[in-house]
Amino acid sequence: MEGKRKGRQKYSPEYPAAMYRFFRAFDGQGAPSFDKFALTIGATREDVERWRSKERFERAYRECSEIRRDYLIDNALTRRFDPSFVKFLIGCEFGDGDSEDRDIALRLEVVE
């Protein structure tokens, strides 16, 4: 199924299962990504995003996002990946989009 990138790849019903297998069995450099998956089937990230309108593909996409999240966390815990950078990535992808620590205003009144 591996191929070159093309423009506007046509959707195939086999893609949700192929994507799930790609994310589950990933052993390449870095972390699994939707861009890397798209490359293996000769598609683009834009194609992958467009296919999310298909219910079955969307379910697989969400599951693969969780697989990626677990992969990043596991590698941060073993210090294979930089924990601070993983925190940033997870905050951007799964959190509020702003993973920087926020300032907290604290008023402390000492009563005697």
PDB file of N, CA and C in Angstrom:
ATOM      1  N   MET A   1       0.810  -1.190   0.000  1.00  0.00           N
ATOM      2  CA  MET A   1       0.000   0.000   0.000  1.00  0.00           C
ATOM      3  C   MET A   1       0.859   1.262   0.000  1.00  0.00           C
ATOM      4  N   GLU A   2       2.172   1.113   0.136  1.00  0.00           N
ATOM      5  CA  GLU A   2       3.052   2.271   0.214  1.00  0.00           C
ATOM      6  C   GLU A   2       3.194   2.924  -1.149  1.00  0.00           C
ATOM      7  N   GLY A   3       3.222   4.240  -1.165  1.00  0.00           N
ATOM      8  CA  GLY A   3       3.314   4.929  -2.444  1.00  0.00           C
ATOM      9  C   GLY A   3       3.798   6.350  -2.290  1.00  0.00           C
ATOM     10  N   LYS A   4       3.798   7.065  -3.421  1.00  0.00           N
ATOM     11  CA  LYS A   4       4.206   8.462  -3.437  1.00  0.00           C
ATOM     12  C   LYS A   4       3.014   9.341  -3.134  1.00  0.00           C
ATOM     13  N   ARG A   5       3.291  10.557  -2.671  1.00  0.00           N
ATOM     14  CA  ARG A   5       2.203  11.497  -2.388  1.00  0.00           C
ATOM     15  C   ARG A   5       1.583  11.971  -3.697  1.00  0.00           C
ATOM     16  N   LYS A   6       0.285  12.005  -3.699  1.00  0.00           N
ATOM     17  CA  LYS A   6      -0.469  12.502  -4.845  1.00  0.00           C
ATOM     18  C   LYS A   6      -1.408  13.593  -4.339  1.00  0.00           C
ATOM     19  N   GLY A   7      -2.146  14.176  -5.236  1.00  0.00           N
ATOM     20  CA  GLY A   7      -3.134  15.154  -4.836  1.00  0.00           C
ATOM     21  C   GLY A   7      -4.522  14.536  -4.800  1.00  0.00           C
ATOM     22  N   ARG A   8      -5.301  14.871  -3.809  1.00  0.00           N
ATOM     23  CA  ARG A   8      -6.688  14.428  -3.644  1.00  0.00           C
ATOM     24  C   ARG A   8      -6.863  12.935  -3.909  1.00  0.00           C
ATOM     25  N   GLN A   9      -6.302  12.165  -3.021  1.00  0.00           N
ATOM     26  CA  GLN A   9      -6.431  10.712  -3.070  1.00  0.00           C
ATOM     27  C   GLN A   9      -7.879  10.316  -2.800  1.00  0.00           C
ATOM     28  N   LYS A  10      -8.386   9.357  -3.524  1.00  0.00           N
ATOM     29  CA  LYS A  10      -9.752   8.873  -3.327  1.00  0.00           C
ATOM     30  C   LYS A  10      -9.813   8.001  -2.074  1.00  0.00           C
ATOM     31  N   TYR A  11     -10.886   8.129  -1.316  1.00  0.00           N
ATOM     32  CA  TYR A  11     -11.086   7.359  -0.089  1.00  0.00           C
ATOM     33  C   TYR A  11     -11.311   5.891  -0.411  1.00  0.00           C
ATOM     34  N   SER A  12     -10.773   5.030   0.437  1.00  0.00           N
ATOM     35  CA  SER A  12     -10.999   3.590   0.322  1.00  0.00           C
ATOM     36  C   SER A  12     -11.488   3.075   1.672  1.00  0.00           C
ATOM     37  N   PRO A  13     -12.479   2.179   1.686  1.00  0.00           N
ATOM     38  CA  PRO A  13     -12.983   1.638   2.949  1.00  0.00           C
ATOM     39  C   PRO A  13     -11.931   0.883   3.762  1.00  0.00           C
ATOM     40  N   GLU A  14     -10.805   0.551   3.142  1.00  0.00           N
ATOM     41  CA  GLU A  14      -9.744  -0.150   3.884  1.00  0.00           C
ATOM     42  C   GLU A  14      -8.866   0.795   4.700  1.00  0.00           C
ATOM     43  N   TYR A  15      -8.985   2.101   4.483  1.00  0.00           N
ATOM     44  CA  TYR A  15      -8.119   3.063   5.160  1.00  0.00           C
ATOM     45  C   TYR A  15      -8.270   3.109   6.678  1.00  0.00           C
ATOM     46  N   PRO A  16      -9.478   3.030   7.245  1.00  0.00           N
ATOM     47  CA  PRO A  16      -9.553   3.062   8.717  1.00  0.00           C
ATOM     48  C   PRO A  16      -8.754   1.932   9.366  1.00  0.00           C
ATOM     49  N   ALA A  17      -8.890   0.715   8.858  1.00  0.00           N
ATOM     50  CA  ALA A  17      -8.145  -0.414   9.431  1.00  0.00           C
ATOM     51  C   ALA A  17      -6.653  -0.274   9.174  1.00  0.00           C
ATOM     52  N   ALA A  18      -6.285   0.209   7.994  1.00  0.00           N
ATOM     53  CA  ALA A  18      -4.869   0.398   7.669  1.00  0.00           C
ATOM     54  C   ALA A  18      -4.232   1.434   8.588  1.00  0.00           C
ATOM     55  N   MET A  19      -4.966   2.501   8.859  1.00  0.00           N
ATOM     56  CA  MET A  19      -4.442   3.544   9.740  1.00  0.00           C
ATOM     57  C   MET A  19      -4.280   3.002  11.161  1.00  0.00           C
ATOM     58  N   TYR A  20      -5.282   2.266  11.626  1.00  0.00           N
ATOM     59  CA  TYR A  20      -5.200   1.682  12.964  1.00  0.00           C
ATOM     60  C   TYR A  20      -3.988   0.754  13.062  1.00  0.00           C
ATOM     61  N   ARG A  21      -3.783  -0.098  12.083  1.00  0.00           N
ATOM     62  CA  ARG A  21      -2.616  -1.005  12.082  1.00  0.00           C
ATOM     63  C   ARG A  21      -1.313  -0.214  12.066  1.00  0.00           C
ATOM     64  N   PHE A  22      -1.265   0.865  11.276  1.00  0.00           N
ATOM     65  CA  PHE A  22      -0.067   1.699  11.197  1.00  0.00           C
ATOM     66  C   PHE A  22       0.292   2.261  12.569  1.00  0.00           C
ATOM     67  N   PHE A  23      -0.693   2.811  13.262  1.00  0.00           N
ATOM     68  CA  PHE A  23      -0.431   3.414  14.566  1.00  0.00           C
ATOM     69  C   PHE A  23      -0.082   2.349  15.615  1.00  0.00           C
ATOM     70  N   ARG A  24      -0.751   1.217  15.594  1.00  0.00           N
ATOM     71  CA  ARG A  24      -0.488   0.153  16.577  1.00  0.00           C
ATOM     72  C   ARG A  24       0.900  -0.461  16.400  1.00  0.00           C
ATOM     73  N   ALA A  25       1.348  -0.600  15.162  1.00  0.00           N
ATOM     74  CA  ALA A  25       2.607  -1.299  14.893  1.00  0.00           C
ATOM     75  C   ALA A  25       3.773  -0.344  14.639  1.00  0.00           C
ATOM     76  N   PHE A  26       3.591   0.938  14.864  1.00  0.00           N
ATOM     77  CA  PHE A  26       4.618   1.918  14.525  1.00  0.00           C
ATOM     78  C   PHE A  26       5.932   1.609  15.239  1.00  0.00           C
ATOM     79  N   ASP A  27       7.018   1.574  14.454  1.00  0.00           N
ATOM     80  CA  ASP A  27       8.346   1.382  15.042  1.00  0.00           C
ATOM     81  C   ASP A  27       9.390   2.219  14.306  1.00  0.00           C
ATOM     82  N   GLY A  28       8.929   3.266  13.665  1.00  0.00           N
ATOM     83  CA  GLY A  28       9.829   4.148  12.930  1.00  0.00           C
ATOM     84  C   GLY A  28      10.450   5.193  13.824  1.00  0.00           C
ATOM     85  N   GLN A  29      11.096   6.170  13.198  1.00  0.00           N
ATOM     86  CA  GLN A  29      11.706   7.263  13.952  1.00  0.00           C
ATOM     87  C   GLN A  29      10.640   8.231  14.428  1.00  0.00           C
ATOM     88  N   GLY A  30      10.860   8.789  15.584  1.00  0.00           N
ATOM     89  CA  GLY A  30       9.921   9.758  16.124  1.00  0.00           C
ATOM     90  C   GLY A  30       8.660   9.080  16.626  1.00  0.00           C
ATOM     91  N   ALA A  31       7.546   9.716  16.404  1.00  0.00           N
ATOM     92  CA  ALA A  31       6.257   9.212  16.866  1.00  0.00           C
ATOM     93  C   ALA A  31       5.345   8.996  15.660  1.00  0.00           C
ATOM     94  N   PRO A  32       4.361   8.121  15.801  1.00  0.00           N
ATOM     95  CA  PRO A  32       3.424   7.948  14.688  1.00  0.00           C
ATOM     96  C   PRO A  32       2.642   9.238  14.460  1.00  0.00           C
ATOM     97  N   SER A  33       2.341   9.513  13.209  1.00  0.00           N
ATOM     98  CA  SER A  33       1.591  10.724  12.886  1.00  0.00           C
ATOM     99  C   SER A  33       0.677  10.459  11.698  1.00  0.00           C
ATOM    100  N   PHE A  34      -0.287  11.329  11.543  1.00  0.00           N
ATOM    101  CA  PHE A  34      -1.205  11.203  10.422  1.00  0.00           C
ATOM    102  C   PHE A  34      -0.499  11.542   9.115  1.00  0.00           C
ATOM    103  N   ASP A  35       0.497  12.412   9.159  1.00  0.00           N
ATOM    104  CA  ASP A  35       1.295  12.710   7.965  1.00  0.00           C
ATOM    105  C   ASP A  35       2.066  11.479   7.517  1.00  0.00           C
ATOM    106  N   LYS A  36       2.677  10.782   8.468  1.00  0.00           N
ATOM    107  CA  LYS A  36       3.439   9.574   8.131  1.00  0.00           C
ATOM    108  C   LYS A  36       2.516   8.489   7.588  1.00  0.00           C
ATOM    109  N   PHE A  37       1.338   8.347   8.174  1.00  0.00           N
ATOM    110  CA  PHE A  37       0.383   7.380   7.648  1.00  0.00           C
ATOM    111  C   PHE A  37      -0.009   7.740   6.219  1.00  0.00           C
ATOM    112  N   ALA A  38      -0.337   9.007   5.988  1.00  0.00           N
ATOM    113  CA  ALA A  38      -0.747   9.449   4.649  1.00  0.00           C
ATOM    114  C   ALA A  38       0.321   9.119   3.618  1.00  0.00           C
ATOM    115  N   LEU A  39       1.581   9.323   3.957  1.00  0.00           N
ATOM    116  CA  LEU A  39       2.676   9.034   3.046  1.00  0.00           C
ATOM    117  C   LEU A  39       2.695   7.556   2.651  1.00  0.00           C
ATOM    118  N   THR A  40       2.389   6.671   3.590  1.00  0.00           N
ATOM    119  CA  THR A  40       2.433   5.229   3.293  1.00  0.00           C
ATOM    120  C   THR A  40       1.367   4.788   2.303  1.00  0.00           C
ATOM    121  N   ILE A  41       0.296   5.571   2.162  1.00  0.00           N
ATOM    122  CA  ILE A  41      -0.766   5.196   1.225  1.00  0.00           C
ATOM    123  C   ILE A  41      -0.807   6.128   0.014  1.00  0.00           C
ATOM    124  N   GLY A  42       0.192   6.988  -0.116  1.00  0.00           N
ATOM    125  CA  GLY A  42       0.258   7.886  -1.257  1.00  0.00           C
ATOM    126  C   GLY A  42      -0.715   9.041  -1.187  1.00  0.00           C
ATOM    127  N   ALA A  43      -1.101   9.432   0.017  1.00  0.00           N
ATOM    128  CA  ALA A  43      -2.058  10.515   0.209  1.00  0.00           C
ATOM    129  C   ALA A  43      -1.374  11.682   0.906  1.00  0.00           C
ATOM    130  N   THR A  44      -2.139  12.703   1.200  1.00  0.00           N
ATOM    131  CA  THR A  44      -1.639  13.862   1.928  1.00  0.00           C
ATOM    132  C   THR A  44      -2.415  14.006   3.233  1.00  0.00           C
ATOM    133  N   ARG A  45      -1.922  14.847   4.107  1.00  0.00           N
ATOM    134  CA  ARG A  45      -2.631  15.122   5.353  1.00  0.00           C
ATOM    135  C   ARG A  45      -3.991  15.745   5.054  1.00  0.00           C
ATOM    136  N   GLU A  46      -4.053  16.546   4.004  1.00  0.00           N
ATOM    137  CA  GLU A  46      -5.323  17.151   3.599  1.00  0.00           C
ATOM    138  C   GLU A  46      -6.349  16.063   3.251  1.00  0.00           C
ATOM    139  N   ASP A  47      -5.894  15.007   2.566  1.00  0.00           N
ATOM    140  CA  ASP A  47      -6.784  13.885   2.251  1.00  0.00           C
ATOM    141  C   ASP A  47      -7.309  13.247   3.537  1.00  0.00           C
ATOM    142  N   VAL A  48      -6.395  12.992   4.460  1.00  0.00           N
ATOM    143  CA  VAL A  48      -6.774  12.363   5.730  1.00  0.00           C
ATOM    144  C   VAL A  48      -7.811  13.215   6.453  1.00  0.00           C
ATOM    145  N   GLU A  49      -7.610  14.509   6.498  1.00  0.00           N
ATOM    146  CA  GLU A  49      -8.570  15.394   7.160  1.00  0.00           C
ATOM    147  C   GLU A  49      -9.926  15.359   6.455  1.00  0.00           C
ATOM    148  N   ARG A  50      -9.913  15.302   5.143  1.00  0.00           N
ATOM    149  CA  ARG A  50     -11.165  15.253   4.383  1.00  0.00           C
ATOM    150  C   ARG A  50     -11.931  13.960   4.667  1.00  0.00           C
ATOM    151  N   TRP A  51     -11.228  12.860   4.819  1.00  0.00           N
ATOM    152  CA  TRP A  51     -11.862  11.560   5.061  1.00  0.00           C
ATOM    153  C   TRP A  51     -12.506  11.466   6.435  1.00  0.00           C
ATOM    154  N   ARG A  52     -12.196  12.391   7.318  1.00  0.00           N
ATOM    155  CA  ARG A  52     -12.802  12.370   8.656  1.00  0.00           C
ATOM    156  C   ARG A  52     -14.319  12.552   8.596  1.00  0.00           C
ATOM    157  N   SER A  53     -14.829  12.980   7.476  1.00  0.00           N
ATOM    158  CA  SER A  53     -16.285  13.104   7.323  1.00  0.00           C
ATOM    159  C   SER A  53     -16.954  11.727   7.243  1.00  0.00           C
ATOM    160  N   LYS A  54     -16.168  10.689   6.998  1.00  0.00           N
ATOM    161  CA  LYS A  54     -16.686   9.312   6.980  1.00  0.00           C
ATOM    162  C   LYS A  54     -16.692   8.805   8.420  1.00  0.00           C
ATOM    163  N   GLU A  55     -17.829   8.323   8.881  1.00  0.00           N
ATOM    164  CA  GLU A  55     -17.983   7.929  10.288  1.00  0.00           C
ATOM    165  C   GLU A  55     -16.951   6.890  10.730  1.00  0.00           C
ATOM    166  N   ARG A  56     -16.762   5.867   9.949  1.00  0.00           N
ATOM    167  CA  ARG A  56     -15.826   4.799  10.325  1.00  0.00           C
ATOM    168  C   ARG A  56     -14.378   5.317  10.387  1.00  0.00           C
ATOM    169  N   PHE A  57     -14.028   6.184   9.447  1.00  0.00           N
ATOM    170  CA  PHE A  57     -12.686   6.749   9.441  1.00  0.00           C
ATOM    171  C   PHE A  57     -12.487   7.668  10.642  1.00  0.00           C
ATOM    172  N   GLU A  58     -13.509   8.449  10.974  1.00  0.00           N
ATOM    173  CA  GLU A  58     -13.419   9.349  12.125  1.00  0.00           C
ATOM    174  C   GLU A  58     -13.198   8.573  13.420  1.00  0.00           C
ATOM    175  N   ARG A  59     -13.905   7.444  13.580  1.00  0.00           N
ATOM    176  CA  ARG A  59     -13.703   6.619  14.785  1.00  0.00           C
ATOM    177  C   ARG A  59     -12.265   6.115  14.850  1.00  0.00           C
ATOM    178  N   ALA A  60     -11.740   5.650  13.720  1.00  0.00           N
ATOM    179  CA  ALA A  60     -10.354   5.183  13.679  1.00  0.00           C
ATOM    180  C   ALA A  60      -9.388   6.331  13.951  1.00  0.00           C
ATOM    181  N   TYR A  61      -9.695   7.504  13.437  1.00  0.00           N
ATOM    182  CA  TYR A  61      -8.852   8.687  13.642  1.00  0.00           C
ATOM    183  C   TYR A  61      -8.749   9.017  15.125  1.00  0.00           C
ATOM    184  N   ARG A  62      -9.891   9.029  15.802  1.00  0.00           N
ATOM    185  CA  ARG A  62      -9.889   9.331  17.248  1.00  0.00           C
ATOM    186  C   ARG A  62      -9.101   8.276  18.020  1.00  0.00           C
ATOM    187  N   GLU A  63      -9.278   7.013  17.673  1.00  0.00           N
ATOM    188  CA  GLU A  63      -8.531   5.939  18.343  1.00  0.00           C
ATOM    189  C   GLU A  63      -7.035   6.085  18.102  1.00  0.00           C
ATOM    190  N   CYS A  64      -6.657   6.427  16.879  1.00  0.00           N
ATOM    191  CA  CYS A  64      -5.239   6.618  16.565  1.00  0.00           C
ATOM    192  C   CYS A  64      -4.664   7.821  17.303  1.00  0.00           C
ATOM    193  N   SER A  65      -5.467   8.840  17.514  1.00  0.00           N
ATOM    194  CA  SER A  65      -5.020   9.992  18.309  1.00  0.00           C
ATOM    195  C   SER A  65      -4.682   9.559  19.729  1.00  0.00           C
ATOM    196  N   GLU A  66      -5.503   8.678  20.289  1.00  0.00           N
ATOM    197  CA  GLU A  66      -5.242   8.172  21.643  1.00  0.00           C
ATOM    198  C   GLU A  66      -4.008   7.262  21.667  1.00  0.00           C
ATOM    199  N   ILE A  67      -3.820   6.470  20.624  1.00  0.00           N
ATOM    200  CA  ILE A  67      -2.622   5.625  20.527  1.00  0.00           C
ATOM    201  C   ILE A  67      -1.388   6.516  20.485  1.00  0.00           C
ATOM    202  N   ARG A  68      -1.452   7.587  19.701  1.00  0.00           N
ATOM    203  CA  ARG A  68      -0.327   8.529  19.606  1.00  0.00           C
ATOM    204  C   ARG A  68      -0.058   9.173  20.964  1.00  0.00           C
ATOM    205  N   ARG A  69      -1.110   9.561  21.635  1.00  0.00           N
ATOM    206  CA  ARG A  69      -0.963  10.179  22.962  1.00  0.00           C
ATOM    207  C   ARG A  69      -0.266   9.217  23.927  1.00  0.00           C
ATOM    208  N   ASP A  70      -0.717   7.974  23.974  1.00  0.00           N
ATOM    209  CA  ASP A  70      -0.092   6.976  24.843  1.00  0.00           C
ATOM    210  C   ASP A  70       1.361   6.738  24.468  1.00  0.00           C
ATOM    211  N   TYR A  71       1.641   6.703  23.178  1.00  0.00           N
ATOM    212  CA  TYR A  71       3.005   6.500  22.686  1.00  0.00           C
ATOM    213  C   TYR A  71       3.915   7.627  23.177  1.00  0.00           C
ATOM    214  N   LEU A  72       3.437   8.854  23.047  1.00  0.00           N
ATOM    215  CA  LEU A  72       4.224  10.003  23.501  1.00  0.00           C
ATOM    216  C   LEU A  72       4.464   9.954  25.009  1.00  0.00           C
ATOM    217  N   ILE A  73       3.413   9.664  25.768  1.00  0.00           N
ATOM    218  CA  ILE A  73       3.538   9.610  27.226  1.00  0.00           C
ATOM    219  C   ILE A  73       4.503   8.509  27.644  1.00  0.00           C
ATOM    220  N   ASP A  74       4.351   7.324  27.079  1.00  0.00           N
ATOM    221  CA  ASP A  74       5.238   6.213  27.430  1.00  0.00           C
ATOM    222  C   ASP A  74       6.693   6.546  27.148  1.00  0.00           C
ATOM    223  N   ASN A  75       6.961   7.185  26.027  1.00  0.00           N
ATOM    224  CA  ASN A  75       8.339   7.539  25.690  1.00  0.00           C
ATOM    225  C   ASN A  75       8.861   8.689  26.533  1.00  0.00           C
ATOM    226  N   ALA A  76       7.990   9.558  27.003  1.00  0.00           N
ATOM    227  CA  ALA A  76       8.423  10.622  27.916  1.00  0.00           C
ATOM    228  C   ALA A  76       8.758  10.034  29.285  1.00  0.00           C
ATOM    229  N   LEU A  77       7.954   9.077  29.724  1.00  0.00           N
ATOM    230  CA  LEU A  77       8.197   8.453  31.030  1.00  0.00           C
ATOM    231  C   LEU A  77       9.519   7.686  31.067  1.00  0.00           C
ATOM    232  N   THR A  78       9.914   7.121  29.948  1.00  0.00           N
ATOM    233  CA  THR A  78      11.184   6.387  29.885  1.00  0.00           C
ATOM    234  C   THR A  78      12.335   7.296  29.450  1.00  0.00           C
ATOM    235  N   ARG A  79      12.027   8.578  29.292  1.00  0.00           N
ATOM    236  CA  ARG A  79      13.000   9.610  28.912  1.00  0.00           C
ATOM    237  C   ARG A  79      13.593   9.394  27.519  1.00  0.00           C
ATOM    238  N   ARG A  80      12.909   8.609  26.701  1.00  0.00           N
ATOM    239  CA  ARG A  80      13.329   8.479  25.299  1.00  0.00           C
ATOM    240  C   ARG A  80      13.004   9.779  24.568  1.00  0.00           C
ATOM    241  N   PHE A  81      11.879  10.403  24.940  1.00  0.00           N
ATOM    242  CA  PHE A  81      11.494  11.715  24.425  1.00  0.00           C
ATOM    243  C   PHE A  81      11.584  12.712  25.567  1.00  0.00           C
ATOM    244  N   ASP A  82      11.828  13.970  25.230  1.00  0.00           N
ATOM    245  CA  ASP A  82      11.906  15.017  26.231  1.00  0.00           C
ATOM    246  C   ASP A  82      10.526  15.236  26.864  1.00  0.00           C
ATOM    247  N   PRO A  83      10.397  15.009  28.176  1.00  0.00           N
ATOM    248  CA  PRO A  83       9.089  15.149  28.830  1.00  0.00           C
ATOM    249  C   PRO A  83       8.450  16.525  28.671  1.00  0.00           C
ATOM    250  N   SER A  84       9.251  17.580  28.698  1.00  0.00           N
ATOM    251  CA  SER A  84       8.693  18.932  28.551  1.00  0.00           C
ATOM    252  C   SER A  84       8.103  19.138  27.162  1.00  0.00           C
ATOM    253  N   PHE A  85       8.788  18.614  26.158  1.00  0.00           N
ATOM    254  CA  PHE A  85       8.279  18.766  24.797  1.00  0.00           C
ATOM    255  C   PHE A  85       7.023  17.919  24.587  1.00  0.00           C
ATOM    256  N   VAL A  86       7.005  16.724  25.171  1.00  0.00           N
ATOM    257  CA  VAL A  86       5.813  15.881  25.085  1.00  0.00           C
ATOM    258  C   VAL A  86       4.632  16.582  25.757  1.00  0.00           C
ATOM    259  N   LYS A  87       4.883  17.208  26.899  1.00  0.00           N
ATOM    260  CA  LYS A  87       3.826  17.956  27.583  1.00  0.00           C
ATOM    261  C   LYS A  87       3.284  19.059  26.673  1.00  0.00           C
ATOM    262  N   PHE A  88       4.182  19.733  25.992  1.00  0.00           N
ATOM    263  CA  PHE A  88       3.783  20.782  25.062  1.00  0.00           C
ATOM    264  C   PHE A  88       2.927  20.209  23.926  1.00  0.00           C
ATOM    265  N   LEU A  89       3.401  19.109  23.315  1.00  0.00           N
ATOM    266  CA  LEU A  89       2.656  18.490  22.213  1.00  0.00           C
ATOM    267  C   LEU A  89       1.272  18.035  22.643  1.00  0.00           C
ATOM    268  N   ILE A  90       1.212  17.378  23.780  1.00  0.00           N
ATOM    269  CA  ILE A  90      -0.079  16.885  24.260  1.00  0.00           C
ATOM    270  C   ILE A  90      -1.009  18.051  24.575  1.00  0.00           C
ATOM    271  N   GLY A  91      -0.465  19.103  25.155  1.00  0.00           N
ATOM    272  CA  GLY A  91      -1.272  20.286  25.434  1.00  0.00           C
ATOM    273  C   GLY A  91      -1.827  20.909  24.164  1.00  0.00           C
ATOM    274  N   CYS A  92      -1.016  20.939  23.110  1.00  0.00           N
ATOM    275  CA  CYS A  92      -1.461  21.511  21.834  1.00  0.00           C
ATOM    276  C   CYS A  92      -2.490  20.620  21.148  1.00  0.00           C
ATOM    277  N   GLU A  93      -2.265  19.322  21.180  1.00  0.00           N
ATOM    278  CA  GLU A  93      -3.127  18.401  20.444  1.00  0.00           C
ATOM    279  C   GLU A  93      -4.378  17.984  21.202  1.00  0.00           C
ATOM    280  N   PHE A  94      -4.269  17.860  22.512  1.00  0.00           N
ATOM    281  CA  PHE A  94      -5.377  17.292  23.275  1.00  0.00           C
ATOM    282  C   PHE A  94      -5.927  18.225  24.332  1.00  0.00           C
ATOM    283  N   GLY A  95      -5.181  19.275  24.632  1.00  0.00           N
ATOM    284  CA  GLY A  95      -5.601  20.154  25.722  1.00  0.00           C
ATOM    285  C   GLY A  95      -6.267  21.398  25.215  1.00  0.00           C
ATOM    286  N   ASP A  96      -5.947  22.475  25.853  1.00  0.00           N
ATOM    287  CA  ASP A  96      -6.583  23.746  25.528  1.00  0.00           C
ATOM    288  C   ASP A  96      -5.825  24.523  24.460  1.00  0.00           C
ATOM    289  N   GLY A  97      -4.771  23.924  23.902  1.00  0.00           N
ATOM    290  CA  GLY A  97      -4.007  24.609  22.877  1.00  0.00           C
ATOM    291  C   GLY A  97      -2.930  25.517  23.425  1.00  0.00           C
ATOM    292  N   ASP A  98      -2.886  25.680  24.738  1.00  0.00           N
ATOM    293  CA  ASP A  98      -1.893  26.529  25.378  1.00  0.00           C
ATOM    294  C   ASP A  98      -1.352  25.775  26.575  1.00  0.00           C
ATOM    295  N   SER A  99      -0.254  25.055  26.358  1.00  0.00           N
ATOM    296  CA  SER A  99       0.239  24.203  27.429  1.00  0.00           C
ATOM    297  C   SER A  99       1.240  24.903  28.339  1.00  0.00           C
ATOM    298  N   GLU A 100       1.491  26.190  28.092  1.00  0.00           N
ATOM    299  CA  GLU A 100       2.396  26.904  28.987  1.00  0.00           C
ATOM    300  C   GLU A 100       1.757  27.022  30.357  1.00  0.00           C
ATOM    301  N   ASP A 101       2.616  26.985  31.370  1.00  0.00           N
ATOM    302  CA  ASP A 101       2.106  27.167  32.727  1.00  0.00           C
ATOM    303  C   ASP A 101       1.540  28.575  32.835  1.00  0.00           C
ATOM    304  N   ARG A 102       0.413  28.681  33.467  1.00  0.00           N
ATOM    305  CA  ARG A 102      -0.252  29.975  33.594  1.00  0.00           C
ATOM    306  C   ARG A 102       0.084  30.602  34.933  1.00  0.00           C
ATOM    307  N   ASP A 103       0.126  31.929  34.926  1.00  0.00           N
ATOM    308  CA  ASP A 103       0.323  32.656  36.176  1.00  0.00           C
ATOM    309  C   ASP A 103      -0.958  32.585  36.986  1.00  0.00           C
ATOM    310  N   ILE A 104      -0.797  32.433  38.269  1.00  0.00           N
ATOM    311  CA  ILE A 104      -1.942  32.400  39.168  1.00  0.00           C
ATOM    312  C   ILE A 104      -1.800  33.572  40.126  1.00  0.00           C
ATOM    313  N   ALA A 105      -2.844  34.369  40.204  1.00  0.00           N
ATOM    314  CA  ALA A 105      -2.838  35.479  41.148  1.00  0.00           C
ATOM    315  C   ALA A 105      -3.284  34.945  42.507  1.00  0.00           C
ATOM    316  N   LEU A 106      -2.480  35.193  43.496  1.00  0.00           N
ATOM    317  CA  LEU A 106      -2.775  34.686  44.833  1.00  0.00           C
ATOM    318  C   LEU A 106      -2.696  35.852  45.803  1.00  0.00           C
ATOM    319  N   ARG A 107      -3.727  36.004  46.571  1.00  0.00           N
ATOM    320  CA  ARG A 107      -3.755  37.059  47.600  1.00  0.00           C
ATOM    321  C   ARG A 107      -3.694  36.355  48.943  1.00  0.00           C
ATOM    322  N   LEU A 108      -2.708  36.684  49.727  1.00  0.00           N
ATOM    323  CA  LEU A 108      -2.522  36.045  51.023  1.00  0.00           C
ATOM    324  C   LEU A 108      -2.637  37.120  52.097  1.00  0.00           C
ATOM    325  N   GLU A 109      -3.544  36.902  53.008  1.00  0.00           N
ATOM    326  CA  GLU A 109      -3.757  37.845  54.086  1.00  0.00           C
ATOM    327  C   GLU A 109      -3.420  37.131  55.391  1.00  0.00           C
ATOM    328  N   VAL A 110      -2.510  37.700  56.141  1.00  0.00           N
ATOM    329  CA  VAL A 110      -2.110  37.116  57.416  1.00  0.00           C
ATOM    330  C   VAL A 110      -2.970  37.750  58.514  1.00  0.00           C
ATOM    331  N   VAL A 111      -3.676  36.908  59.239  1.00  0.00           N
ATOM    332  CA  VAL A 111      -4.550  37.375  60.308  1.00  0.00           C
ATOM    333  C   VAL A 111      -3.936  36.912  61.619  1.00  0.00           C
ATOM    334  N   GLU A 112      -3.737  37.884  62.538  1.00  0.00           N
ATOM    335  CA  GLU A 112      -3.177  37.516  63.831  1.00  0.00           C
ATOM    336  C   GLU A 112      -4.222  37.508  64.887  1.00  0.00           C
TER     337      GLU A 112
END
